[in-house]
């Protein structure tokens, strides 16, 4: 019985560690979004509007990720959730970076080359 309790404790600590790492990744992405919003203060109105909409969408997506974190209960669920969430966070970061670069380049050169088409 004691060995089982010890294993449960180890699994719980592992799960909590993974959840904390996911929360840190989520926090890092939120900070990146806020940094982009600060950068937008000096941009033309059309660029601000476009990137603000993308940032809003990403923040909603992050809220969904946080909700997923609170719904995991077992080690298998935590592993699955962490894998999905890590992939999603990386995807969101890439999209946000790509879109930011696209809008910034567009604002600087007035060319319309959409990387998403």
Protein backbone atom coordinates (compact mmCIF):
# COMPACT_ATOMS: atom_id res chain seq x y z
CA UNK A 1 0.00 0.00 0.00
CA UNK A 2 2.83 2.38 0.86
CA UNK A 3 4.54 1.68 -2.47
CA UNK A 4 1.30 2.47 -4.30
CA UNK A 5 0.92 5.75 -2.42
CA UNK A 6 4.52 6.63 -3.24
CA UNK A 7 3.96 5.89 -6.94
CA UNK A 8 0.77 7.95 -6.95
CA UNK A 9 2.69 10.81 -5.36
CA UNK A 10 5.45 10.56 -7.99
CA UNK A 11 2.92 10.47 -10.83
CA UNK A 12 1.09 13.46 -9.36
CA UNK A 13 4.33 15.45 -9.07
CA UNK A 14 5.22 14.55 -12.66
CA UNK A 15 1.78 15.66 -13.85
CA UNK A 16 1.96 18.88 -11.87
CA UNK A 17 5.42 19.59 -13.31
CA UNK A 18 4.15 19.11 -16.84
CA UNK A 19 1.16 21.33 -16.17
CA UNK A 20 3.44 24.03 -14.75
CA UNK A 21 5.63 23.85 -17.87
CA UNK A 22 2.55 24.21 -20.05
CA UNK A 23 1.40 27.19 -18.00
CA UNK A 24 4.86 28.73 -18.42
CA UNK A 25 4.68 28.21 -22.19
CA UNK A 26 1.21 29.75 -22.20
CA UNK A 27 2.53 32.70 -20.20
CA UNK A 28 5.42 33.15 -22.63
CA UNK A 29 3.04 33.22 -25.58
CA UNK A 30 0.75 35.70 -23.79
CA UNK A 31 3.78 37.93 -23.18
CA UNK A 32 4.69 37.71 -26.87
CA UNK A 33 1.16 38.81 -27.76
CA UNK A 34 1.38 41.73 -25.33
CA UNK A 35 4.80 42.71 -26.73
CA UNK A 36 3.30 42.77 -30.22
CA UNK A 37 0.42 44.92 -28.98
CA UNK A 38 2.92 47.41 -27.49
CA UNK A 39 4.86 47.49 -30.75
CA UNK A 40 1.62 48.30 -32.59
CA UNK A 41 1.25 51.63 -30.80
CA UNK A 42 3.58 53.17 -33.39
CA UNK A 43 2.12 51.48 -36.48
CA UNK A 44 -0.38 52.74 -39.06
CA UNK A 45 -4.04 52.13 -38.20
CA UNK A 46 -4.62 49.36 -40.79
CA UNK A 47 -1.73 47.31 -39.42
CA UNK A 48 -2.83 47.82 -35.82
CA UNK A 49 -6.35 46.65 -36.56
CA UNK A 50 -5.22 43.56 -38.42
CA UNK A 51 -2.72 42.42 -35.79
CA UNK A 52 -5.02 43.25 -32.89
CA UNK A 53 -7.62 40.91 -34.39
CA UNK A 54 -5.01 38.14 -34.67
CA UNK A 55 -3.87 38.75 -31.08
CA UNK A 56 -7.47 38.56 -29.86
CA UNK A 57 -7.93 35.25 -31.68
CA UNK A 58 -4.73 33.84 -30.16
CA UNK A 59 -5.77 34.90 -26.66
CA UNK A 60 -9.07 33.05 -27.09
CA UNK A 61 -7.13 30.00 -28.25
CA UNK A 62 -4.91 30.24 -25.16
CA UNK A 63 -7.97 30.38 -22.91
CA UNK A 64 -9.07 27.11 -24.48
CA UNK A 65 -5.63 25.62 -23.77
CA UNK A 66 -5.86 26.62 -20.11
CA UNK A 67 -9.32 25.02 -19.92
CA UNK A 68 -7.83 21.79 -21.32
CA UNK A 69 -5.15 21.81 -18.63
CA UNK A 70 -7.77 21.91 -15.90
CA UNK A 71 -9.60 18.90 -17.32
CA UNK A 72 -6.78 16.34 -17.14
CA UNK A 73 -6.89 13.76 -14.35
CA UNK A 74 -4.53 10.89 -15.09
CA UNK A 75 -0.91 10.54 -16.22
CA UNK A 76 -2.01 9.34 -19.65
CA UNK A 77 -4.37 12.32 -20.01
CA UNK A 78 -1.61 14.68 -18.87
CA UNK A 79 0.86 13.21 -21.35
CA UNK A 80 -1.68 13.44 -24.17
CA UNK A 81 -2.73 16.95 -23.20
CA UNK A 82 0.87 18.12 -22.86
CA UNK A 83 1.75 16.75 -26.28
CA UNK A 84 -1.31 18.36 -27.91
CA UNK A 85 -0.85 21.64 -26.07
CA UNK A 86 2.89 21.83 -26.81
CA UNK A 87 2.16 21.33 -30.49
CA UNK A 88 -0.64 23.88 -30.42
CA UNK A 89 1.45 26.47 -28.60
CA UNK A 90 4.30 26.04 -31.08
CA UNK A 91 1.86 26.27 -34.01
CA UNK A 92 0.26 29.42 -32.55
CA UNK A 93 3.70 30.96 -31.99
CA UNK A 94 4.72 30.25 -35.59
CA UNK A 95 1.49 31.65 -37.01
CA UNK A 96 1.68 34.75 -34.84
CA UNK A 97 5.32 35.35 -35.79
CA UNK A 98 4.61 34.78 -39.48
CA UNK A 99 1.60 37.09 -39.46
CA UNK A 100 3.48 39.75 -37.48
CA UNK A 101 6.33 39.65 -40.01
CA UNK A 102 3.88 39.80 -42.92
CA UNK A 103 2.05 42.84 -41.55
CA UNK A 104 5.29 44.57 -40.55
CA UNK A 105 6.77 44.04 -44.02
CA UNK A 106 3.52 45.20 -45.60
CA UNK A 107 3.51 48.33 -43.44
CA UNK A 108 7.12 49.08 -44.38
CA UNK A 109 6.87 48.40 -48.10
CA UNK A 110 3.14 48.70 -48.90
CA UNK A 111 3.31 45.43 -50.83
CA UNK A 112 0.57 42.86 -50.51
CA UNK A 113 2.20 39.43 -50.43
CA UNK A 114 0.05 37.24 -48.23
CA UNK A 115 2.00 34.25 -46.87
CA UNK A 116 -1.25 32.44 -46.03
CA UNK A 117 -2.49 32.00 -49.59
